[in-house]
Amino acid sequence: MIAYLDGKLAQKDPTFVIIDVGGVGYELRISLNTYGQLPTGERCKLFTHQHIKEDAHTLYGFATIAEKSAFLHLISISGVGPNTGLMILSSLTVQEVQQAIVREDVRTIQQVKGIGAKTAQRIILELRDKFRKGLGPDAVSVTFGAAHNTSREEALSALVTLGFAKNVAEKTLDAIIKREGASLTVEDMIKFALKSS
């Protein structure tokens, strides 16, 4: 597996680049976000993913590890292939994708060409928890802060102990935090959850 390519930028296009590494030209498909981050100089480094099908071996290039991680998560979803993954990362930044998934914003994901309501919902359902944990050191965290996260986990544990189904408790807590703000104490979260049930 090729982890990254570091070489001379021989050709640059909004959808692909050719990087010359030791006299060998590697063609990589890229997103518009990566295109925008490519250096103006001759040398560049892109993190890569090689996608192998019966009729093609395609290299995909990413300016950051976070973008590569988001791409790999996206293409793990049934119905989201590499071209759709690149389309999502060309239409939205990694941070926007992460925020849309964590906040369960179906409309934002659905605005990407070729993504319908069911696919957007599937992406959110399958990636919500993974994206809450972050996508690497250069990704912007969109969780509600460490203190909130600890409080949320404690409140979740308490609600499950009180008989709530875990998935129902998670949705309830997320809705409360969205409505009331991230500065709630564990006790406040539990009180609001009990009132809303």
N, C-alpha and C. Protein backbone atom coordinates (compact mmCIF):
# COMPACT_ATOMS: atom_id res chain seq x y z
N MET A 1 0.85 -1.20 0.00
CA MET A 1 0.00 0.00 0.00
C MET A 1 0.89 1.24 0.00
N ILE A 2 0.56 2.19 -0.83
CA ILE A 2 1.30 3.45 -0.90
C ILE A 2 0.65 4.42 0.09
N ALA A 3 1.40 4.87 1.10
CA ALA A 3 0.84 5.75 2.13
C ALA A 3 0.82 7.21 1.68
N TYR A 4 1.88 7.65 0.99
CA TYR A 4 1.93 9.02 0.48
C TYR A 4 2.94 9.09 -0.65
N LEU A 5 2.85 10.15 -1.43
CA LEU A 5 3.82 10.43 -2.48
C LEU A 5 4.37 11.82 -2.25
N ASP A 6 5.68 11.94 -2.33
CA ASP A 6 6.36 13.21 -2.14
C ASP A 6 7.26 13.42 -3.34
N GLY A 7 6.94 14.40 -4.17
CA GLY A 7 7.74 14.60 -5.37
C GLY A 7 7.41 15.89 -6.08
N LYS A 8 7.84 15.97 -7.32
CA LYS A 8 7.64 17.16 -8.14
C LYS A 8 6.22 17.16 -8.72
N LEU A 9 5.55 18.29 -8.61
CA LEU A 9 4.21 18.42 -9.17
C LEU A 9 4.34 18.67 -10.67
N ALA A 10 4.16 17.60 -11.45
CA ALA A 10 4.37 17.68 -12.90
C ALA A 10 3.17 18.28 -13.62
N GLN A 11 1.95 17.97 -13.13
CA GLN A 11 0.73 18.50 -13.75
C GLN A 11 -0.33 18.66 -12.67
N LYS A 12 -1.09 19.76 -12.79
CA LYS A 12 -2.11 20.08 -11.79
C LYS A 12 -3.41 20.41 -12.50
N ASP A 13 -4.49 19.74 -12.10
CA ASP A 13 -5.81 19.93 -12.68
C ASP A 13 -6.79 19.89 -11.50
N PRO A 14 -7.96 20.52 -11.60
CA PRO A 14 -8.90 20.47 -10.46
C PRO A 14 -9.34 19.07 -10.06
N THR A 15 -9.21 18.08 -10.95
CA THR A 15 -9.66 16.73 -10.61
C THR A 15 -8.52 15.72 -10.44
N PHE A 16 -7.33 16.06 -10.92
CA PHE A 16 -6.21 15.13 -10.76
C PHE A 16 -4.89 15.89 -10.79
N VAL A 17 -3.85 15.21 -10.28
CA VAL A 17 -2.49 15.73 -10.38
C VAL A 17 -1.59 14.59 -10.83
N ILE A 18 -0.45 14.96 -11.39
CA ILE A 18 0.59 13.97 -11.68
C ILE A 18 1.82 14.40 -10.90
N ILE A 19 2.29 13.49 -10.05
CA ILE A 19 3.47 13.76 -9.23
C ILE A 19 4.61 12.88 -9.75
N ASP A 20 5.72 13.52 -10.05
CA ASP A 20 6.92 12.82 -10.51
C ASP A 20 7.75 12.45 -9.29
N VAL A 21 7.84 11.15 -9.03
CA VAL A 21 8.65 10.64 -7.92
C VAL A 21 9.75 9.78 -8.50
N GLY A 22 10.97 10.30 -8.51
CA GLY A 22 12.11 9.55 -9.02
C GLY A 22 11.97 9.16 -10.49
N GLY A 23 11.38 10.03 -11.29
CA GLY A 23 11.24 9.76 -12.71
C GLY A 23 10.00 8.97 -13.10
N VAL A 24 9.17 8.61 -12.11
CA VAL A 24 7.90 7.90 -12.39
C VAL A 24 6.76 8.86 -12.09
N GLY A 25 5.86 9.04 -13.07
CA GLY A 25 4.73 9.94 -12.90
C GLY A 25 3.51 9.20 -12.36
N TYR A 26 3.06 9.58 -11.16
CA TYR A 26 1.87 8.97 -10.55
C TYR A 26 0.69 9.92 -10.74
N GLU A 27 -0.39 9.39 -11.32
CA GLU A 27 -1.61 10.18 -11.47
C GLU A 27 -2.51 9.91 -10.28
N LEU A 28 -2.95 10.97 -9.62
CA LEU A 28 -3.81 10.84 -8.45
C LEU A 28 -5.08 11.65 -8.66
N ARG A 29 -6.22 11.05 -8.39
CA ARG A 29 -7.49 11.78 -8.39
C ARG A 29 -7.55 12.57 -7.09
N ILE A 30 -8.01 13.81 -7.17
CA ILE A 30 -8.05 14.67 -5.98
C ILE A 30 -9.39 15.40 -5.88
N SER A 31 -9.66 15.91 -4.68
CA SER A 31 -10.84 16.75 -4.46
C SER A 31 -10.48 18.20 -4.74
N LEU A 32 -11.50 19.04 -4.87
CA LEU A 32 -11.25 20.47 -5.05
C LEU A 32 -10.58 21.09 -3.83
N ASN A 33 -10.87 20.53 -2.65
CA ASN A 33 -10.22 21.03 -1.43
C ASN A 33 -8.72 20.78 -1.47
N THR A 34 -8.32 19.60 -1.92
CA THR A 34 -6.89 19.30 -2.05
C THR A 34 -6.27 20.19 -3.12
N TYR A 35 -6.97 20.35 -4.24
CA TYR A 35 -6.49 21.21 -5.33
C TYR A 35 -6.18 22.61 -4.80
N GLY A 36 -7.07 23.14 -3.97
CA GLY A 36 -6.90 24.47 -3.42
C GLY A 36 -5.72 24.57 -2.45
N GLN A 37 -5.32 23.45 -1.87
CA GLN A 37 -4.23 23.46 -0.90
C GLN A 37 -2.87 23.11 -1.51
N LEU A 38 -2.86 22.74 -2.79
CA LEU A 38 -1.59 22.37 -3.41
C LEU A 38 -0.65 23.57 -3.47
N PRO A 39 0.61 23.34 -3.19
CA PRO A 39 1.56 24.45 -3.19
C PRO A 39 1.76 25.00 -4.60
N THR A 40 2.16 26.25 -4.65
CA THR A 40 2.43 26.86 -5.95
C THR A 40 3.81 26.45 -6.46
N GLY A 41 4.67 26.02 -5.54
CA GLY A 41 6.00 25.55 -5.93
C GLY A 41 5.93 24.22 -6.65
N GLU A 42 7.08 23.66 -6.92
CA GLU A 42 7.13 22.43 -7.70
C GLU A 42 6.96 21.18 -6.86
N ARG A 43 7.31 21.23 -5.58
CA ARG A 43 7.30 20.02 -4.77
C ARG A 43 6.01 19.92 -3.96
N CYS A 44 5.48 18.71 -3.84
CA CYS A 44 4.29 18.52 -3.00
C CYS A 44 4.27 17.11 -2.42
N LYS A 45 3.48 16.96 -1.36
CA LYS A 45 3.31 15.66 -0.71
C LYS A 45 1.82 15.42 -0.55
N LEU A 46 1.35 14.28 -1.05
CA LEU A 46 -0.06 13.93 -0.89
C LEU A 46 -0.17 12.56 -0.24
N PHE A 47 -1.10 12.45 0.70
CA PHE A 47 -1.42 11.16 1.31
C PHE A 47 -2.30 10.42 0.31
N THR A 48 -2.12 9.11 0.21
CA THR A 48 -2.80 8.39 -0.87
C THR A 48 -3.63 7.21 -0.39
N HIS A 49 -4.56 6.86 -1.25
CA HIS A 49 -5.34 5.62 -1.10
C HIS A 49 -5.42 4.99 -2.48
N GLN A 50 -5.11 3.71 -2.55
CA GLN A 50 -5.20 3.00 -3.83
C GLN A 50 -6.47 2.18 -3.83
N HIS A 51 -7.32 2.44 -4.81
CA HIS A 51 -8.58 1.71 -4.95
C HIS A 51 -8.45 0.74 -6.12
N ILE A 52 -8.66 -0.54 -5.84
CA ILE A 52 -8.46 -1.56 -6.86
C ILE A 52 -9.80 -2.18 -7.24
N LYS A 53 -10.11 -2.13 -8.53
CA LYS A 53 -11.28 -2.81 -9.10
C LYS A 53 -10.78 -3.77 -10.16
N GLU A 54 -11.67 -4.57 -10.70
CA GLU A 54 -11.27 -5.53 -11.74
C GLU A 54 -10.64 -4.84 -12.94
N ASP A 55 -11.19 -3.68 -13.31
CA ASP A 55 -10.74 -3.02 -14.54
C ASP A 55 -9.86 -1.80 -14.32
N ALA A 56 -9.54 -1.46 -13.06
CA ALA A 56 -8.73 -0.25 -12.83
C ALA A 56 -8.07 -0.26 -11.46
N HIS A 57 -6.88 0.31 -11.42
CA HIS A 57 -6.19 0.61 -10.16
C HIS A 57 -6.08 2.13 -10.12
N THR A 58 -6.75 2.77 -9.17
CA THR A 58 -6.80 4.23 -9.12
C THR A 58 -6.18 4.73 -7.83
N LEU A 59 -5.32 5.73 -7.94
CA LEU A 59 -4.74 6.37 -6.77
C LEU A 59 -5.52 7.65 -6.48
N TYR A 60 -5.84 7.86 -5.21
CA TYR A 60 -6.51 9.07 -4.75
C TYR A 60 -5.54 9.82 -3.84
N GLY A 61 -5.46 11.12 -4.01
CA GLY A 61 -4.53 11.92 -3.22
C GLY A 61 -5.24 12.93 -2.34
N PHE A 62 -4.66 13.17 -1.16
CA PHE A 62 -5.28 14.07 -0.17
C PHE A 62 -4.23 14.96 0.45
N ALA A 63 -4.56 16.23 0.63
CA ALA A 63 -3.61 17.19 1.19
C ALA A 63 -3.35 16.92 2.67
N THR A 64 -4.35 16.36 3.37
CA THR A 64 -4.21 16.11 4.81
C THR A 64 -4.63 14.69 5.17
N ILE A 65 -4.14 14.23 6.31
CA ILE A 65 -4.54 12.90 6.80
C ILE A 65 -6.03 12.91 7.15
N ALA A 66 -6.52 14.06 7.67
CA ALA A 66 -7.94 14.15 8.02
C ALA A 66 -8.82 13.95 6.79
N GLU A 67 -8.43 14.52 5.65
CA GLU A 67 -9.23 14.35 4.44
C GLU A 67 -9.19 12.90 3.97
N LYS A 68 -8.01 12.28 4.04
CA LYS A 68 -7.91 10.86 3.67
C LYS A 68 -8.78 10.01 4.59
N SER A 69 -8.73 10.29 5.88
CA SER A 69 -9.53 9.54 6.85
C SER A 69 -11.02 9.70 6.57
N ALA A 70 -11.45 10.93 6.29
CA ALA A 70 -12.87 11.18 5.97
C ALA A 70 -13.27 10.40 4.72
N PHE A 71 -12.41 10.42 3.72
CA PHE A 71 -12.67 9.69 2.46
C PHE A 71 -12.83 8.19 2.73
N LEU A 72 -11.92 7.61 3.50
CA LEU A 72 -11.98 6.18 3.80
C LEU A 72 -13.25 5.83 4.57
N HIS A 73 -13.64 6.69 5.50
CA HIS A 73 -14.89 6.46 6.22
C HIS A 73 -16.09 6.53 5.27
N LEU A 74 -16.08 7.54 4.40
CA LEU A 74 -17.21 7.71 3.48
C LEU A 74 -17.36 6.53 2.54
N ILE A 75 -16.25 6.04 1.97
CA ILE A 75 -16.37 4.95 1.00
C ILE A 75 -16.64 3.61 1.67
N SER A 76 -16.58 3.57 3.01
CA SER A 76 -16.94 2.33 3.71
C SER A 76 -18.45 2.15 3.76
N ILE A 77 -19.20 3.20 3.43
CA ILE A 77 -20.66 3.16 3.45
C ILE A 77 -21.18 2.52 2.17
N SER A 78 -22.11 1.61 2.30
CA SER A 78 -22.72 0.97 1.14
C SER A 78 -23.40 2.04 0.28
N GLY A 79 -23.07 2.05 -1.01
CA GLY A 79 -23.66 3.02 -1.93
C GLY A 79 -22.82 4.28 -2.12
N VAL A 80 -21.70 4.39 -1.36
CA VAL A 80 -20.81 5.54 -1.53
C VAL A 80 -19.48 5.02 -2.06
N GLY A 81 -19.25 5.23 -3.35
CA GLY A 81 -18.00 4.81 -3.97
C GLY A 81 -16.97 5.92 -3.92
N PRO A 82 -15.76 5.64 -4.43
CA PRO A 82 -14.69 6.65 -4.40
C PRO A 82 -15.05 7.94 -5.12
N ASN A 83 -15.75 7.86 -6.25
CA ASN A 83 -16.12 9.09 -6.96
C ASN A 83 -17.10 9.93 -6.15
N THR A 84 -18.04 9.27 -5.49
CA THR A 84 -18.99 9.99 -4.64
C THR A 84 -18.27 10.57 -3.43
N GLY A 85 -17.34 9.80 -2.86
CA GLY A 85 -16.54 10.30 -1.74
C GLY A 85 -15.78 11.56 -2.11
N LEU A 86 -15.17 11.56 -3.31
CA LEU A 86 -14.46 12.76 -3.77
C LEU A 86 -15.42 13.91 -4.02
N MET A 87 -16.61 13.59 -4.53
CA MET A 87 -17.62 14.63 -4.79
C MET A 87 -18.01 15.30 -3.47
N ILE A 88 -18.19 14.50 -2.42
CA ILE A 88 -18.54 15.05 -1.11
C ILE A 88 -17.42 15.96 -0.61
N LEU A 89 -16.16 15.49 -0.73
CA LEU A 89 -15.02 16.26 -0.24
C LEU A 89 -14.67 17.44 -1.15
N SER A 90 -15.22 17.47 -2.35
CA SER A 90 -15.05 18.62 -3.24
C SER A 90 -16.12 19.68 -2.94
N SER A 91 -17.29 19.23 -2.50
CA SER A 91 -18.39 20.14 -2.22
C SER A 91 -18.32 20.74 -0.82
N LEU A 92 -17.79 19.97 0.12
CA LEU A 92 -17.72 20.39 1.52
C LEU A 92 -16.30 20.19 2.04
N THR A 93 -15.86 21.03 2.97
CA THR A 93 -14.57 20.80 3.59
C THR A 93 -14.69 19.62 4.55
N VAL A 94 -13.57 19.10 4.99
CA VAL A 94 -13.58 18.00 5.96
C VAL A 94 -14.34 18.42 7.21
N GLN A 95 -14.11 19.65 7.67
CA GLN A 95 -14.79 20.13 8.86
C GLN A 95 -16.30 20.23 8.65
N GLU A 96 -16.72 20.69 7.47
CA GLU A 96 -18.16 20.78 7.18
C GLU A 96 -18.79 19.40 7.13
N VAL A 97 -18.09 18.43 6.54
CA VAL A 97 -18.61 17.05 6.50
C VAL A 97 -18.74 16.52 7.92
N GLN A 98 -17.69 16.73 8.71
CA GLN A 98 -17.69 16.23 10.08
C GLN A 98 -18.82 16.88 10.89
N GLN A 99 -18.97 18.19 10.78
CA GLN A 99 -20.02 18.89 11.52
C GLN A 99 -21.41 18.43 11.08
N ALA A 100 -21.61 18.27 9.77
CA ALA A 100 -22.91 17.85 9.26
C ALA A 100 -23.27 16.47 9.80
N ILE A 101 -22.30 15.58 9.85
CA ILE A 101 -22.57 14.21 10.33
C ILE A 101 -22.82 14.22 11.83
N VAL A 102 -21.97 14.90 12.59
CA VAL A 102 -22.12 14.93 14.05
C VAL A 102 -23.44 15.59 14.44
N ARG A 103 -23.83 16.63 13.71
CA ARG A 103 -25.07 17.35 14.03
C ARG A 103 -26.30 16.76 13.33
N GLU A 104 -26.08 15.66 12.62
CA GLU A 104 -27.16 14.95 11.91
C GLU A 104 -27.89 15.89 10.96
N ASP A 105 -27.12 16.66 10.21
CA ASP A 105 -27.65 17.64 9.27
C ASP A 105 -27.78 16.99 7.88
N VAL A 106 -28.89 16.31 7.67
CA VAL A 106 -29.13 15.59 6.42
C VAL A 106 -29.13 16.54 5.23
N ARG A 107 -29.71 17.72 5.41
CA ARG A 107 -29.86 18.68 4.30
C ARG A 107 -28.50 19.06 3.71
N THR A 108 -27.50 19.32 4.56
CA THR A 108 -26.18 19.72 4.07
C THR A 108 -25.56 18.61 3.22
N ILE A 109 -25.64 17.38 3.70
CA ILE A 109 -25.06 16.26 2.96
C ILE A 109 -25.83 16.02 1.66
N GLN A 110 -27.12 16.20 1.73
CA GLN A 110 -27.97 15.98 0.56
C GLN A 110 -27.74 17.02 -0.54
N GLN A 111 -27.14 18.15 -0.20
CA GLN A 111 -26.87 19.18 -1.20
C GLN A 111 -25.76 18.76 -2.16
N VAL A 112 -24.99 17.74 -1.79
CA VAL A 112 -23.93 17.24 -2.67
C VAL A 112 -24.58 16.50 -3.83
N LYS A 113 -24.12 16.82 -5.04
CA LYS A 113 -24.68 16.20 -6.25
C LYS A 113 -24.59 14.67 -6.16
N GLY A 114 -25.71 14.00 -6.40
CA GLY A 114 -25.72 12.54 -6.41
C GLY A 114 -26.04 11.89 -5.06
N ILE A 115 -26.24 12.70 -4.02
CA ILE A 115 -26.56 12.15 -2.70
C ILE A 115 -28.04 12.38 -2.43
N GLY A 116 -28.76 11.29 -2.26
CA GLY A 116 -30.18 11.37 -1.94
C GLY A 116 -30.40 11.33 -0.43
N ALA A 117 -31.66 11.43 -0.03
CA ALA A 117 -31.99 11.47 1.40
C ALA A 117 -31.58 10.19 2.10
N LYS A 118 -31.84 9.03 1.48
CA LYS A 118 -31.51 7.75 2.13
C LYS A 118 -30.01 7.59 2.31
N THR A 119 -29.23 7.96 1.29
CA THR A 119 -27.78 7.84 1.39
C THR A 119 -27.25 8.80 2.45
N ALA A 120 -27.77 10.02 2.48
CA ALA A 120 -27.34 11.00 3.49
C ALA A 120 -27.63 10.48 4.90
N GLN A 121 -28.82 9.90 5.09
CA GLN A 121 -29.18 9.35 6.40
C GLN A 121 -28.28 8.17 6.77
N ARG A 122 -27.95 7.33 5.78
CA ARG A 122 -27.08 6.18 6.03
C ARG A 122 -25.68 6.65 6.43
N ILE A 123 -25.18 7.68 5.74
CA ILE A 123 -23.86 8.23 6.06
C ILE A 123 -23.85 8.72 7.51
N ILE A 124 -24.86 9.47 7.90
CA ILE A 124 -24.94 10.00 9.26
C ILE A 124 -25.05 8.88 10.27
N LEU A 125 -25.93 7.93 10.03
CA LEU A 125 -26.15 6.83 10.96
C LEU A 125 -24.88 6.02 11.20
N GLU A 126 -24.15 5.72 10.12
CA GLU A 126 -22.98 4.85 10.24
C GLU A 126 -21.72 5.58 10.68
N LEU A 127 -21.64 6.90 10.46
CA LEU A 127 -20.39 7.61 10.75
C LEU A 127 -20.47 8.57 11.93
N ARG A 128 -21.65 8.78 12.46
CA ARG A 128 -21.83 9.78 13.53
C ARG A 128 -20.85 9.56 14.69
N ASP A 129 -20.81 8.34 15.23
CA ASP A 129 -19.95 8.08 16.39
C ASP A 129 -18.47 8.17 16.04
N LYS A 130 -18.09 7.69 14.84
CA LYS A 130 -16.69 7.75 14.42
C LYS A 130 -16.24 9.18 14.24
N PHE A 131 -17.09 10.02 13.66
CA PHE A 131 -16.71 11.40 13.40
C PHE A 131 -16.69 12.24 14.67
N ARG A 132 -17.44 11.83 15.69
CA ARG A 132 -17.40 12.54 16.98
C ARG A 132 -16.02 12.41 17.61
N LYS A 133 -15.36 11.29 17.34
CA LYS A 133 -14.03 11.05 17.92
C LYS A 133 -12.95 11.83 17.21
N GLY A 134 -13.24 12.38 16.02
CA GLY A 134 -12.26 13.18 15.28
C GLY A 134 -11.63 12.39 14.16
N LEU A 135 -10.93 13.10 13.29
CA LEU A 135 -10.35 12.49 12.09
C LEU A 135 -8.84 12.67 12.01
N GLY A 136 -8.20 12.89 13.11
CA GLY A 136 -6.75 13.03 13.07
C GLY A 136 -6.30 14.36 13.64
N PRO A 137 -4.99 14.55 13.75
CA PRO A 137 -4.46 15.72 14.41
C PRO A 137 -4.77 17.05 13.71
N ASP A 138 -4.99 17.03 12.38
CA ASP A 138 -5.23 18.29 11.70
C ASP A 138 -6.70 18.57 11.45
N ALA A 139 -7.57 17.75 12.02
CA ALA A 139 -9.01 17.99 11.89
C ALA A 139 -9.47 18.89 13.03
N VAL A 140 -10.45 19.71 12.75
CA VAL A 140 -11.02 20.55 13.79
C VAL A 140 -12.02 19.71 14.57
N SER A 141 -11.89 19.73 15.86
CA SER A 141 -12.80 18.94 16.69
C SER A 141 -14.16 19.63 16.71
N VAL A 142 -15.20 18.85 16.45
CA VAL A 142 -16.55 19.43 16.51
C VAL A 142 -17.35 18.81 17.64
N THR A 143 -16.66 18.10 18.52
CA THR A 143 -17.35 17.67 19.73
C THR A 143 -17.54 18.91 20.58
N PHE A 144 -18.26 18.82 21.64
CA PHE A 144 -18.63 20.01 22.39
C PHE A 144 -17.63 20.31 23.50
N GLY A 145 -16.41 19.82 23.38
CA GLY A 145 -15.38 20.08 24.38
C GLY A 145 -15.24 18.90 25.32
N ALA A 146 -14.09 18.77 25.92
CA ALA A 146 -13.80 17.61 26.77
C ALA A 146 -14.72 17.56 27.98
N ALA A 147 -14.94 18.71 28.60
CA ALA A 147 -15.78 18.73 29.79
C ALA A 147 -17.19 18.30 29.44
N HIS A 148 -17.70 18.82 28.33
CA HIS A 148 -19.04 18.43 27.90
C HIS A 148 -19.10 16.94 27.61
N ASN A 149 -18.07 16.45 26.91
CA ASN A 149 -18.06 15.05 26.50
C ASN A 149 -18.11 14.15 27.73
N THR A 150 -17.34 14.48 28.76
CA THR A 150 -17.33 13.70 29.99
C THR A 150 -18.70 13.78 30.66
N SER A 151 -19.26 14.98 30.72
CA SER A 151 -20.58 15.16 31.33
C SER A 151 -21.63 14.38 30.57
N ARG A 152 -21.55 14.43 29.25
CA ARG A 152 -22.52 13.71 28.42
C ARG A 152 -22.41 12.21 28.68
N GLU A 153 -21.19 11.69 28.75
CA GLU A 153 -20.99 10.26 28.99
C GLU A 153 -21.52 9.85 30.35
N GLU A 154 -21.27 10.70 31.36
CA GLU A 154 -21.78 10.40 32.70
C GLU A 154 -23.31 10.41 32.71
N ALA A 155 -23.89 11.41 32.06
CA ALA A 155 -25.35 11.51 31.99
C ALA A 155 -25.94 10.32 31.23
N LEU A 156 -25.26 9.92 30.15
CA LEU A 156 -25.71 8.77 29.37
C LEU A 156 -25.70 7.52 30.22
N SER A 157 -24.62 7.31 30.95
CA SER A 157 -24.50 6.14 31.82
C SER A 157 -25.62 6.12 32.86
N ALA A 158 -25.90 7.29 33.44
CA ALA A 158 -26.96 7.38 34.45
C ALA A 158 -28.32 7.07 33.85
N LEU A 159 -28.58 7.60 32.65
CA LEU A 159 -29.89 7.36 32.01
C LEU A 159 -30.07 5.89 31.64
N VAL A 160 -29.01 5.25 31.18
CA VAL A 160 -29.09 3.82 30.86
C VAL A 160 -29.37 3.03 32.14
N THR A 161 -28.71 3.41 33.23
CA THR A 161 -28.95 2.76 34.52
C THR A 161 -30.40 2.95 34.96
N LEU A 162 -30.98 4.10 34.62
CA LEU A 162 -32.37 4.39 34.98
C LEU A 162 -33.38 3.69 34.06
N GLY A 163 -32.87 2.98 33.05
CA GLY A 163 -33.77 2.20 32.21
C GLY A 163 -33.97 2.71 30.80
N PHE A 164 -33.32 3.81 30.44
CA PHE A 164 -33.41 4.32 29.06
C PHE A 164 -32.65 3.38 28.12
N ALA A 165 -33.16 3.21 26.91
CA ALA A 165 -32.38 2.52 25.87
C ALA A 165 -31.23 3.45 25.49
N LYS A 166 -30.04 2.88 25.27
CA LYS A 166 -28.84 3.72 25.03
C LYS A 166 -29.02 4.65 23.84
N ASN A 167 -29.54 4.13 22.71
CA ASN A 167 -29.68 4.99 21.52
C ASN A 167 -30.69 6.11 21.75
N VAL A 168 -31.76 5.83 22.50
CA VAL A 168 -32.76 6.86 22.81
C VAL A 168 -32.14 7.92 23.72
N ALA A 169 -31.38 7.46 24.71
CA ALA A 169 -30.73 8.38 25.64
C ALA A 169 -29.73 9.28 24.91
N GLU A 170 -28.96 8.70 23.97
CA GLU A 170 -27.98 9.49 23.21
C GLU A 170 -28.67 10.59 22.41
N LYS A 171 -29.75 10.22 21.71
CA LYS A 171 -30.47 11.21 20.90
C LYS A 171 -31.06 12.31 21.79
N THR A 172 -31.62 11.89 22.92
CA THR A 172 -32.22 12.86 23.85
C THR A 172 -31.16 13.83 24.36
N LEU A 173 -30.00 13.31 24.78
CA LEU A 173 -28.93 14.17 25.30
C LEU A 173 -28.41 15.11 24.22
N ASP A 174 -28.23 14.60 23.01
CA ASP A 174 -27.74 15.46 21.93
C ASP A 174 -28.72 16.59 21.65
N ALA A 175 -30.01 16.28 21.67
CA ALA A 175 -31.03 17.30 21.43
C ALA A 175 -31.01 18.35 22.55
N ILE A 176 -30.83 17.89 23.79
CA ILE A 176 -30.79 18.81 24.94
C ILE A 176 -29.58 19.74 24.83
N ILE A 177 -28.42 19.16 24.50
CA ILE A 177 -27.19 19.95 24.39
C ILE A 177 -27.31 20.97 23.27
N LYS A 178 -27.92 20.55 22.17
CA LYS A 178 -28.11 21.45 21.03
C LYS A 178 -29.03 22.61 21.43
N ARG A 179 -30.06 22.30 22.20
CA ARG A 179 -31.06 23.30 22.58
C ARG A 179 -30.58 24.20 23.72
N GLU A 180 -29.96 23.60 24.74
CA GLU A 180 -29.63 24.32 25.97
C GLU A 180 -28.18 24.83 26.03
N GLY A 181 -27.32 24.27 25.17
CA GLY A 181 -25.91 24.67 25.21
C GLY A 181 -25.03 23.61 25.85
N ALA A 182 -23.72 23.76 25.65
CA ALA A 182 -22.78 22.73 26.08
C ALA A 182 -22.32 22.89 27.52
N SER A 183 -22.76 23.93 28.21
CA SER A 183 -22.25 24.18 29.57
C SER A 183 -23.10 23.53 30.66
N LEU A 184 -23.99 22.63 30.29
CA LEU A 184 -24.86 21.97 31.26
C LEU A 184 -24.07 21.04 32.17
N THR A 185 -24.52 20.93 33.42
CA THR A 185 -23.92 19.94 34.33
C THR A 185 -24.56 18.59 34.05
N VAL A 186 -23.96 17.55 34.61
CA VAL A 186 -24.50 16.19 34.46
C VAL A 186 -25.93 16.16 35.00
N GLU A 187 -26.13 16.78 36.16
CA GLU A 187 -27.46 16.78 36.79
C GLU A 187 -28.50 17.45 35.90
N ASP A 188 -28.11 18.60 35.31
CA ASP A 188 -29.04 19.31 34.42
C ASP A 188 -29.42 18.45 33.23
N MET A 189 -28.42 17.79 32.64
CA MET A 189 -28.69 16.93 31.48
C MET A 189 -29.68 15.84 31.85
N ILE A 190 -29.47 15.21 33.01
CA ILE A 190 -30.36 14.13 33.44
C ILE A 190 -31.77 14.66 33.69
N LYS A 191 -31.86 15.83 34.36
CA LYS A 191 -33.18 16.42 34.64
C LYS A 191 -33.93 16.72 33.34
N PHE A 192 -33.25 17.36 32.39
CA PHE A 192 -33.90 17.67 31.12
C PHE A 192 -34.34 16.38 30.40
N ALA A 193 -33.49 15.36 30.45
CA ALA A 193 -33.81 14.09 29.79
C ALA A 193 -35.03 13.44 30.43
N LEU A 194 -35.11 13.47 31.73
CA LEU A 194 -36.23 12.88 32.43
C LEU A 194 -37.53 13.64 32.14
N LYS A 195 -37.41 14.96 32.01
CA LYS A 195 -38.60 15.77 31.68
C LYS A 195 -39.07 15.53 30.25
N SER A 196 -38.14 15.27 29.36
CA SER A 196 -38.51 15.11 27.96
C SER A 196 -39.04 13.71 27.64
N SER A 197 -38.90 12.78 28.56
CA SER A 197 -39.36 11.41 28.28
C SER A 197 -40.80 11.22 28.61
